[in-house]
Amino acid sequence: MSTEDLFAKHIVEPEPNQTLWHYMSFAKFMSLLDTSSLFFSQLKNLNDPFEGIPFIDHMPIGSEFEKMYKSTLEDPNSWRHYIVVTCWSANSSENLGMWNTYASKFGITIKSTVQRLNDGLNFASESEVFRGLVMYDRAEGEPGDNWSIFFDIFHNKRKEFENENEYRIARGYNDPKQRYMINLAGGILIPVNLNRLIDKIVISPESPNWFLGLVQSITRKNGLSIEVTHSEIDRKPFV
């Protein structure tokens, strides 16, 4: 089976025009503008402690993945160190739960699409880059299907996180120097064309009006002609 067929079997890629949201703090937004780079976090640093841990029921006895899993038990950080991800919410509109979890009163969400995100990113190499929707079933793979275990490591989560409806891009690094730098920073910055990436910048529903003006000013000063608006969640009903 070709690599493309394996991807199609184990990872679901949404339509290119699927709306995506990336919730972040104001500090992370400033870093995005300052570096023109998107931060990819190590799996081990995400908010789910099961990230990067394969589902044990998937493990064919005697497989190479069983050996890797045992190695992970001895060294819990192994591949969780060198697989990095960027996580986006694949919803047609904002999500209040995502605001509460990933952004504060002065938080921001970037509105984009699958097409914009992938067009905007500038990987040095497309090798070991995996894109697709996160699955929340932790379903048992077919006997001997080592690939289901491999993709389960970074594209399958517990049902408790299903409300995130996550789309993620994962990248693996094998070079020892790159792994060392990733461990120091907790992840890696990937260059991105911000005008291609960002469709709209939305500020937190709890933020004051002056914060809207501040984000608009900072966006303009960074040479971006991108709409900045308040969250639709705080829209007032007609009286």
Protein backbone atom coordinates (compact mmCIF):
# COMPACT_ATOMS: atom_id res chain seq x y z
CA MET A 1 0.00 0.00 0.00
CA SER A 2 1.36 3.43 -0.94
CA THR A 3 2.02 6.14 1.65
CA GLU A 4 -0.86 8.17 0.17
CA ASP A 5 -3.21 5.21 0.63
CA LEU A 6 -2.07 4.79 4.22
CA PHE A 7 -2.76 8.45 4.93
CA ALA A 8 -6.20 8.19 3.35
CA LYS A 9 -6.98 5.13 5.46
CA HIS A 10 -5.92 6.52 8.81
CA ILE A 11 -6.20 10.33 8.60
CA VAL A 12 -9.28 12.25 7.47
CA GLU A 13 -8.49 15.44 5.54
CA PRO A 14 -11.36 17.99 5.56
CA GLU A 15 -12.41 20.13 2.60
CA PRO A 16 -9.94 22.93 1.71
CA ASN A 17 -12.52 25.61 2.56
CA GLN A 18 -13.20 24.20 6.05
CA THR A 19 -13.06 27.06 8.56
CA LEU A 20 -10.37 26.79 11.24
CA TRP A 21 -9.81 28.69 14.50
CA HIS A 22 -6.57 28.98 16.49
CA TYR A 23 -7.12 30.32 20.03
CA MET A 24 -4.19 31.94 21.82
CA SER A 25 -3.06 34.43 24.43
CA PHE A 26 -2.10 37.99 23.48
CA ALA A 27 1.57 37.12 24.13
CA LYS A 28 1.44 34.24 21.63
CA PHE A 29 -0.28 36.52 19.11
CA MET A 30 2.55 39.05 19.48
CA SER A 31 5.08 36.26 18.97
CA LEU A 32 3.25 35.21 15.80
CA LEU A 33 3.48 38.74 14.39
CA ASP A 34 7.04 39.33 15.58
CA THR A 35 8.49 36.10 14.16
CA SER A 36 6.10 35.50 11.23
CA SER A 37 6.20 31.92 12.46
CA LEU A 38 3.66 29.49 13.88
CA PHE A 39 4.73 27.66 17.03
CA PHE A 40 4.49 23.85 16.84
CA SER A 41 4.41 22.38 20.35
CA GLN A 42 5.89 19.08 21.49
CA LEU A 43 3.20 16.47 22.08
CA LYS A 44 4.28 16.16 25.69
CA ASN A 45 3.46 19.83 26.33
CA LEU A 46 -0.20 19.70 25.24
CA ASN A 47 -2.98 19.75 27.81
CA ASP A 48 -3.87 16.05 27.47
CA PRO A 49 -1.40 13.80 29.37
CA PHE A 50 -2.28 10.96 26.98
CA GLU A 51 -0.89 12.82 23.96
CA GLY A 52 1.71 10.69 22.23
CA ILE A 53 0.79 7.55 24.17
CA PRO A 54 -0.47 4.74 21.90
CA PHE A 55 -3.63 2.93 22.88
CA ILE A 56 -2.41 -0.33 24.41
CA ASP A 57 -5.23 -2.45 22.92
CA HIS A 58 -3.86 -1.63 19.46
CA MET A 59 -0.50 -3.25 20.12
CA PRO A 60 0.18 -6.43 18.11
CA ILE A 61 2.40 -8.67 20.22
CA GLY A 62 5.97 -8.77 18.96
CA SER A 63 5.61 -5.77 16.66
CA GLU A 64 8.19 -2.99 16.40
CA PHE A 65 5.61 -0.69 17.95
CA GLU A 66 5.34 -2.94 21.02
CA LYS A 67 9.08 -2.47 21.50
CA MET A 68 8.72 1.29 21.01
CA TYR A 69 5.87 1.36 23.53
CA LYS A 70 7.95 -0.47 26.14
CA SER A 71 10.73 2.01 25.48
CA THR A 72 8.23 4.81 26.10
CA LEU A 73 7.31 3.27 29.44
CA GLU A 74 10.97 3.37 30.42
CA ASP A 75 11.48 6.85 28.96
CA PRO A 76 8.04 8.58 28.94
CA ASN A 77 9.34 11.41 26.77
CA SER A 78 10.75 9.44 23.80
CA TRP A 79 8.73 10.28 20.64
CA ARG A 80 6.62 12.78 22.56
CA HIS A 81 9.71 14.99 22.37
CA TYR A 82 10.29 14.97 18.61
CA ILE A 83 6.74 15.03 17.20
CA VAL A 84 5.46 18.62 17.18
CA VAL A 85 1.98 19.84 16.29
CA THR A 86 -0.14 22.90 15.63
CA CYS A 87 -3.76 22.51 16.72
CA TRP A 88 -6.83 24.20 15.20
CA SER A 89 -10.56 23.96 15.86
CA ALA A 90 -12.48 22.89 12.73
CA ASN A 91 -15.80 24.62 13.38
CA SER A 92 -17.91 26.93 11.23
CA SER A 93 -18.13 29.45 14.09
CA GLU A 94 -16.39 30.36 17.33
CA ASN A 95 -16.60 28.04 20.32
CA LEU A 96 -17.13 29.46 23.82
CA GLY A 97 -15.51 26.42 25.40
CA MET A 98 -12.38 26.96 23.32
CA TRP A 99 -12.26 30.61 24.37
CA ASN A 100 -12.48 29.60 28.04
CA THR A 101 -9.83 26.88 27.73
CA TYR A 102 -7.21 28.40 25.46
CA ALA A 103 -7.62 32.19 25.59
CA SER A 104 -8.04 34.68 28.44
CA LYS A 105 -9.93 37.95 28.75
CA PHE A 106 -7.31 39.41 26.44
CA GLY A 107 -7.13 36.37 24.20
CA ILE A 108 -7.30 36.17 20.43
CA THR A 109 -8.38 33.63 17.85
CA ILE A 110 -7.10 33.49 14.30
CA LYS A 111 -9.73 32.59 11.69
CA SER A 112 -8.37 30.66 8.73
CA THR A 113 -9.18 27.69 6.48
CA VAL A 114 -7.47 24.38 5.77
CA GLN A 115 -6.30 25.79 2.43
CA ARG A 116 -4.97 29.02 3.92
CA LEU A 117 -3.13 27.23 6.71
CA ASN A 118 -1.40 24.79 4.41
CA ASP A 119 -0.62 27.44 1.78
CA GLY A 120 0.80 29.77 4.41
CA LEU A 121 3.17 27.36 6.13
CA ASN A 122 6.71 27.11 4.80
CA PHE A 123 8.25 23.78 5.81
CA ALA A 124 11.90 23.25 4.90
CA SER A 125 10.80 19.74 3.88
CA GLU A 126 7.42 18.02 3.56
CA SER A 127 8.97 14.80 4.88
CA GLU A 128 7.18 13.45 7.96
CA VAL A 129 4.40 16.06 7.82
CA PHE A 130 0.94 14.68 8.61
CA ARG A 131 -2.28 16.67 8.25
CA GLY A 132 -5.84 15.81 9.18
CA LEU A 133 -8.71 15.76 11.65
CA VAL A 134 -8.16 14.26 15.07
CA MET A 135 -10.30 11.19 15.75
CA TYR A 136 -11.89 10.63 19.15
CA ASP A 137 -12.80 6.96 19.11
CA ARG A 138 -9.59 5.22 20.18
CA ALA A 139 -11.08 2.33 18.22
CA GLU A 140 -9.19 -0.92 18.07
CA GLY A 141 -7.16 -1.26 14.88
CA GLU A 142 -7.05 -4.25 12.61
CA PRO A 143 -4.81 -7.11 13.83
CA GLY A 144 -1.24 -6.50 12.74
CA ASP A 145 -2.03 -3.03 11.45
CA ASN A 146 1.04 -1.21 12.73
CA TRP A 147 0.10 1.97 10.89
CA SER A 148 -3.07 2.36 12.97
CA ILE A 149 -0.84 2.39 16.05
CA PHE A 150 1.53 4.91 14.52
CA PHE A 151 -1.20 7.40 13.55
CA ASP A 152 -2.97 6.79 16.86
CA ILE A 153 0.06 8.32 18.58
CA PHE A 154 -0.68 11.82 17.32
CA HIS A 155 -4.05 11.84 15.51
CA ASN A 156 -6.36 10.15 18.00
CA LYS A 157 -7.56 11.49 21.35
CA ARG A 158 -9.94 10.56 24.12
CA LYS A 159 -13.65 11.34 23.78
CA GLU A 160 -13.40 13.88 26.59
CA PHE A 161 -11.78 16.25 24.07
CA GLU A 162 -14.29 15.70 21.27
CA ASN A 163 -15.78 19.20 21.62
CA GLU A 164 -12.51 20.63 20.25
CA ASN A 165 -13.17 19.08 16.82
CA GLU A 166 -9.47 19.43 16.17
CA TYR A 167 -7.56 19.69 12.92
CA ARG A 168 -3.84 19.35 13.39
CA ILE A 169 -0.63 19.32 11.46
CA ALA A 170 2.10 17.12 12.93
CA ARG A 171 5.76 17.04 12.02
CA GLY A 172 8.44 14.58 13.12
CA TYR A 173 12.12 15.40 13.48
CA ASN A 174 14.93 12.86 13.38
CA ASP A 175 17.99 15.10 13.35
CA PRO A 176 19.64 15.09 16.82
CA LYS A 177 20.47 18.81 16.67
CA GLN A 178 16.89 19.71 15.80
CA ARG A 179 15.59 17.47 18.58
CA TYR A 180 17.93 19.16 21.04
CA MET A 181 16.66 22.63 20.08
CA ILE A 182 13.04 21.43 20.21
CA ASN A 183 13.60 20.11 23.73
CA LEU A 184 15.06 23.44 24.83
CA ALA A 185 12.16 25.49 23.42
CA GLY A 186 9.34 23.02 24.01
CA GLY A 187 8.61 23.07 20.29
CA ILE A 188 9.69 24.77 17.08
CA LEU A 189 8.78 27.87 15.08
CA ILE A 190 7.69 27.19 11.48
CA PRO A 191 7.79 30.22 9.11
CA VAL A 192 4.39 31.28 7.80
CA ASN A 193 3.04 33.89 5.40
CA LEU A 194 0.64 35.75 7.68
CA ASN A 195 -1.40 37.34 4.88
CA ARG A 196 -2.04 33.91 3.40
CA LEU A 197 -2.70 32.28 6.76
CA ILE A 198 -5.06 34.75 8.41
CA ASP A 199 -8.55 35.44 7.16
CA LYS A 200 -9.62 37.43 10.23
CA ILE A 201 -8.40 38.26 13.73
CA VAL A 202 -11.02 38.01 16.48
CA ILE A 203 -10.56 39.23 20.05
CA SER A 204 -12.05 37.69 23.19
CA PRO A 205 -15.75 38.23 23.97
CA GLU A 206 -14.70 39.54 27.40
CA SER A 207 -12.18 42.09 26.13
CA PRO A 208 -12.79 45.88 26.41
CA ASN A 209 -13.09 48.19 23.41
CA TRP A 210 -9.61 49.69 23.91
CA PHE A 211 -8.12 46.23 23.39
CA LEU A 212 -9.77 46.06 19.98
CA GLY A 213 -8.09 49.34 19.01
CA LEU A 214 -4.74 48.10 20.30
CA VAL A 215 -4.84 44.87 18.26
CA GLN A 216 -5.95 46.79 15.16
CA SER A 217 -3.03 49.20 15.56
CA ILE A 218 -0.46 46.45 16.12
CA THR A 219 -1.77 44.53 13.11
CA ARG A 220 -1.43 47.59 10.84
CA LYS A 221 2.07 48.39 12.14
CA ASN A 222 3.13 44.87 11.17
CA GLY A 223 2.09 45.55 7.58
CA LEU A 224 -1.02 43.37 7.64
CA SER A 225 -4.28 44.42 5.99
CA ILE A 226 -6.43 41.99 7.97
CA GLU A 227 -9.82 42.62 9.57
CA VAL A 228 -9.78 42.71 13.39
CA THR A 229 -13.15 42.35 15.14
CA HIS A 230 -14.78 41.59 18.47
CA SER A 231 -16.04 38.07 19.04
CA GLU A 232 -19.54 37.36 17.72
CA ILE A 233 -20.30 35.79 21.09
CA ASP A 234 -20.64 39.21 22.75
CA ARG A 235 -23.00 40.52 20.06
CA LYS A 236 -26.01 42.24 21.64
CA PRO A 237 -29.58 41.21 20.76
CA PHE A 238 -31.88 43.68 19.03
CA VAL A 239 -33.95 45.69 21.47
